[in-house]
């Protein structure tokens, strides 16, 4: 099929001896949009070379290349041959890149085990960026907890967010230079809180009490 305008690559397993910022066994996804006529197998070679060049730039010395195209992988392993004049330059390019590694292997996996690469290709084909050759990487985080966990806002002036409410309940004093509307708002807000000694509680709709904590204690409790 002609005019396949997408390709993708995932540098999946590597061993690095020279770049302290590259962790062994990490995933480094990359995606590219092709703007020239090519066949499906040519797009696969484009993606393969893209990933191998990433490894070269990262100073990786040992690399395992994984692909779901048996036609590509077995040709790169030299178990299959080709006379296709469109593919021969790609094979030559890969062979030259292979010389930059102390060890490089090619492994074929079923397509069902390589779903992430298909996702990269879909993203690349959907994003429209006609005037740019590069867009900043898309960060993908793996989260095991809700987004609101382990996030505590900083407290201005080292005072807890409920400082004015607690002081008002304890002394019935307003902040210095508070306006009439600010005093009214503080009184209305204080009606939703209950002070018991040094502990401040917020009244809930079911008549329960939620203890108020400062940023330091909130961080400790979350951890």
Protein backbone atom coordinates (compact mmCIF):
# COMPACT_ATOMS: atom_id res chain seq x y z
CA UNK A 1 0.00 0.00 0.00
CA UNK A 2 1.42 3.35 -1.01
CA UNK A 3 1.53 6.61 0.95
CA UNK A 4 1.73 5.38 4.51
CA UNK A 5 2.37 8.61 6.41
CA UNK A 6 3.18 7.45 9.88
CA UNK A 7 5.80 5.50 11.72
CA UNK A 8 6.82 5.02 15.31
CA UNK A 9 9.52 3.49 17.41
CA UNK A 10 10.13 2.50 21.01
CA UNK A 11 13.63 2.07 22.38
CA UNK A 12 12.67 -0.74 24.70
CA UNK A 13 15.69 -2.38 26.27
CA UNK A 14 19.24 -1.13 26.39
CA UNK A 15 22.46 -1.24 28.34
CA UNK A 16 24.36 2.00 28.60
CA UNK A 17 28.04 2.50 29.33
CA UNK A 18 28.77 6.18 29.16
CA UNK A 19 25.63 8.24 29.64
CA UNK A 20 24.81 8.58 33.38
CA UNK A 21 21.42 10.11 32.59
CA UNK A 22 20.18 7.02 30.71
CA UNK A 23 18.68 4.28 32.85
CA UNK A 24 18.94 0.67 31.74
CA UNK A 25 15.68 -1.02 30.84
CA UNK A 26 13.68 2.22 30.50
CA UNK A 27 11.29 3.10 27.66
CA UNK A 28 11.98 6.10 25.43
CA UNK A 29 9.07 6.52 22.96
CA UNK A 30 9.40 8.46 19.71
CA UNK A 31 7.06 9.04 16.79
CA UNK A 32 7.52 10.55 13.33
CA UNK A 33 5.21 11.65 10.53
CA UNK A 34 6.41 10.80 7.01
CA UNK A 35 5.73 13.35 4.28
CA UNK A 36 6.89 11.42 1.26
CA UNK A 37 5.37 8.47 -0.63
CA UNK A 38 6.42 5.13 0.78
CA UNK A 39 5.18 1.59 1.23
CA UNK A 40 4.15 0.05 4.53
CA UNK A 41 7.41 -1.89 4.90
CA UNK A 42 9.41 1.28 4.15
CA UNK A 43 7.60 3.03 7.01
CA UNK A 44 8.59 0.17 9.31
CA UNK A 45 12.25 0.59 8.34
CA UNK A 46 11.96 4.34 8.92
CA UNK A 47 10.66 3.64 12.45
CA UNK A 48 13.35 1.05 13.12
CA UNK A 49 16.17 3.37 12.06
CA UNK A 50 14.62 6.19 14.09
CA UNK A 51 14.83 4.06 17.23
CA UNK A 52 18.36 2.83 16.54
CA UNK A 53 19.58 6.39 15.96
CA UNK A 54 18.04 7.37 19.29
CA UNK A 55 20.13 4.66 20.94
CA UNK A 56 23.25 5.90 19.17
CA UNK A 57 22.62 9.48 20.35
CA UNK A 58 22.18 8.17 23.92
CA UNK A 59 25.54 6.40 23.69
CA UNK A 60 23.94 2.98 24.20
CA UNK A 61 26.36 0.12 23.55
CA UNK A 62 24.10 -2.94 23.85
CA UNK A 63 20.64 -2.86 22.29
CA UNK A 64 17.70 -5.20 21.74
CA UNK A 65 15.49 -4.14 18.83
CA UNK A 66 11.93 -5.50 19.09
CA UNK A 67 9.45 -5.38 16.22
CA UNK A 68 6.15 -6.99 15.24
CA UNK A 69 7.01 -7.17 11.53
CA UNK A 70 8.51 -10.58 10.79
CA UNK A 71 9.34 -9.36 7.27
CA UNK A 72 11.56 -6.63 8.73
CA UNK A 73 13.07 -8.46 11.69
CA UNK A 74 14.11 -11.60 9.82
CA UNK A 75 15.68 -9.55 7.05
CA UNK A 76 17.65 -7.57 9.64
CA UNK A 77 18.74 -10.87 11.20
CA UNK A 78 19.84 -11.90 7.69
CA UNK A 79 17.68 -15.01 7.83
CA UNK A 80 15.67 -13.71 4.88
CA UNK A 81 17.04 -11.94 1.81
CA UNK A 82 15.55 -9.28 -0.48
CA UNK A 83 16.14 -7.89 -3.93
CA UNK A 84 13.73 -4.98 -3.55
CA UNK A 85 15.63 -1.88 -4.69
CA UNK A 86 13.56 0.28 -2.33
CA UNK A 87 14.57 -1.79 0.72
CA UNK A 88 18.27 -2.36 -0.01
CA UNK A 89 19.29 1.21 1.01
CA UNK A 90 17.47 0.73 4.33
CA UNK A 91 19.29 -2.52 5.00
CA UNK A 92 22.61 -0.85 4.24
CA UNK A 93 21.75 2.02 6.63
CA UNK A 94 20.85 -0.39 9.45
CA UNK A 95 24.04 -2.39 8.92
CA UNK A 96 26.12 0.79 9.22
CA UNK A 97 24.32 1.78 12.42
CA UNK A 98 24.86 -1.68 13.89
CA UNK A 99 28.60 -1.09 13.77
CA UNK A 100 28.21 1.56 16.48
CA UNK A 101 27.17 -1.03 19.08
CA UNK A 102 29.19 -3.67 20.88
CA UNK A 103 26.10 -5.88 20.80
CA UNK A 104 22.77 -5.54 19.00
CA UNK A 105 19.98 -8.11 18.63
CA UNK A 106 16.70 -8.18 16.72
CA UNK A 107 13.65 -9.95 18.11
CA UNK A 108 10.22 -10.52 16.60
CA UNK A 109 7.14 -10.28 18.85
CA UNK A 110 3.44 -10.68 17.97
CA UNK A 111 1.56 -7.49 17.20
CA UNK A 112 -0.68 -7.98 20.24
CA UNK A 113 2.42 -7.58 22.45
CA UNK A 114 3.42 -4.35 20.73
CA UNK A 115 0.28 -2.26 21.22
CA UNK A 116 2.13 0.79 22.51
CA UNK A 117 3.88 1.31 19.16
CA UNK A 118 0.51 1.33 17.36
CA UNK A 119 -0.64 3.99 19.83
CA UNK A 120 2.40 6.13 18.99
CA UNK A 121 1.66 5.80 15.28
CA UNK A 122 -1.95 6.84 15.82
CA UNK A 123 -0.90 9.90 17.82
CA UNK A 124 1.57 10.94 15.15
CA UNK A 125 -1.01 10.63 12.35
CA UNK A 126 -3.64 12.64 14.26
CA UNK A 127 -1.49 15.60 15.34
CA UNK A 128 -1.39 18.39 12.77
CA UNK A 129 1.83 20.40 12.77
CA UNK A 130 2.41 21.49 9.14
CA UNK A 131 4.86 24.29 9.92
CA UNK A 132 7.10 22.46 12.36
CA UNK A 133 9.46 19.51 12.08
CA UNK A 134 9.35 18.80 15.80
CA UNK A 135 6.90 18.98 18.69
CA UNK A 136 7.89 18.61 22.30
CA UNK A 137 7.60 15.08 23.72
CA UNK A 138 4.33 14.00 25.28
CA UNK A 139 4.86 12.94 28.87
CA UNK A 140 3.01 9.83 30.00
CA UNK A 141 2.98 9.12 33.74
CA UNK A 142 1.98 5.85 35.41
CA UNK A 143 -0.10 6.64 38.48
CA UNK A 144 -1.09 4.17 41.19
CA UNK A 145 -2.96 6.78 43.25
CA UNK A 146 -5.45 9.56 42.73
CA UNK A 147 -4.12 12.83 41.33
CA UNK A 148 -4.87 14.72 44.54
CA UNK A 149 -2.63 12.45 46.64
CA UNK A 150 0.78 13.74 47.69
CA UNK A 151 -0.06 17.28 46.61
CA UNK A 152 0.04 19.90 49.35
CA UNK A 153 -0.10 23.61 48.59
CA UNK A 154 2.62 25.78 50.05
CA UNK A 155 1.61 28.05 52.93
CA UNK A 156 2.26 31.78 52.60
CA UNK A 157 4.19 33.40 55.47
CA UNK A 158 4.60 29.97 57.10
CA UNK A 159 1.05 30.21 58.49
CA UNK A 160 -1.55 27.46 58.02
CA UNK A 161 -4.45 28.16 55.68
CA UNK A 162 -6.86 28.26 58.65
CA UNK A 163 -4.81 30.70 60.76
CA UNK A 164 -7.26 33.62 60.62
CA UNK A 165 -10.27 31.39 61.31
CA UNK A 166 -8.67 29.77 64.36
CA UNK A 167 -7.54 33.09 65.77
CA UNK A 168 -10.99 34.58 65.32
CA UNK A 169 -12.67 31.67 67.11
CA UNK A 170 -10.16 31.87 69.96
CA UNK A 171 -10.01 35.65 70.48
CA UNK A 172 -12.85 37.13 68.37
CA UNK A 173 -10.25 39.46 66.91
CA UNK A 174 -10.15 40.42 63.23
CA UNK A 175 -6.98 40.69 61.15
CA UNK A 176 -5.33 44.08 61.18
CA UNK A 177 -6.64 46.48 58.51
CA UNK A 178 -9.52 44.10 57.65
CA UNK A 179 -12.38 45.81 55.81
CA UNK A 180 -16.04 45.53 56.80
CA UNK A 181 -16.73 43.04 54.01
CA UNK A 182 -13.70 40.96 55.01
CA UNK A 183 -14.86 40.86 58.62
CA UNK A 184 -18.32 39.78 57.51
CA UNK A 185 -16.82 37.02 55.33
CA UNK A 186 -14.63 35.81 58.21
CA UNK A 187 -17.62 35.59 60.58
CA UNK A 188 -19.60 33.63 57.98
CA UNK A 189 -16.67 31.28 57.36
CA UNK A 190 -16.06 30.73 61.06
CA UNK A 191 -19.59 29.35 61.45
CA UNK A 192 -18.42 26.24 59.58
CA UNK A 193 -15.57 25.51 62.01
CA UNK A 194 -15.25 24.26 65.58
CA UNK A 195 -12.28 24.96 67.85
CA UNK A 196 -11.33 22.46 70.55
CA UNK A 197 -8.21 23.57 72.36
CA UNK A 198 -5.47 23.86 69.74
CA UNK A 199 -7.28 21.65 67.22
CA UNK A 200 -9.54 23.18 64.60
CA UNK A 201 -12.28 21.14 62.96
CA UNK A 202 -14.46 21.83 59.95
CA UNK A 203 -18.10 20.86 60.26
CA UNK A 204 -19.29 18.53 57.52
CA UNK A 205 -22.80 18.30 56.04
CA UNK A 206 -23.49 15.09 57.95
CA UNK A 207 -22.63 16.87 61.24
CA UNK A 208 -19.22 15.24 61.41
CA UNK A 209 -15.93 16.98 62.13
CA UNK A 210 -12.83 16.99 59.91
CA UNK A 211 -9.62 18.02 61.64
CA UNK A 212 -7.69 20.82 59.93
CA UNK A 213 -3.94 20.28 59.49
CA UNK A 214 -1.10 22.44 58.20
CA UNK A 215 1.08 21.64 55.20
CA UNK A 216 3.81 19.89 57.20
CA UNK A 217 1.37 17.56 58.97
CA UNK A 218 -0.60 16.95 55.76
CA UNK A 219 2.57 15.86 53.98
CA UNK A 220 3.50 13.53 56.85
CA UNK A 221 0.03 11.97 56.91
CA UNK A 222 -0.02 11.39 53.16
CA UNK A 223 3.37 9.77 53.23
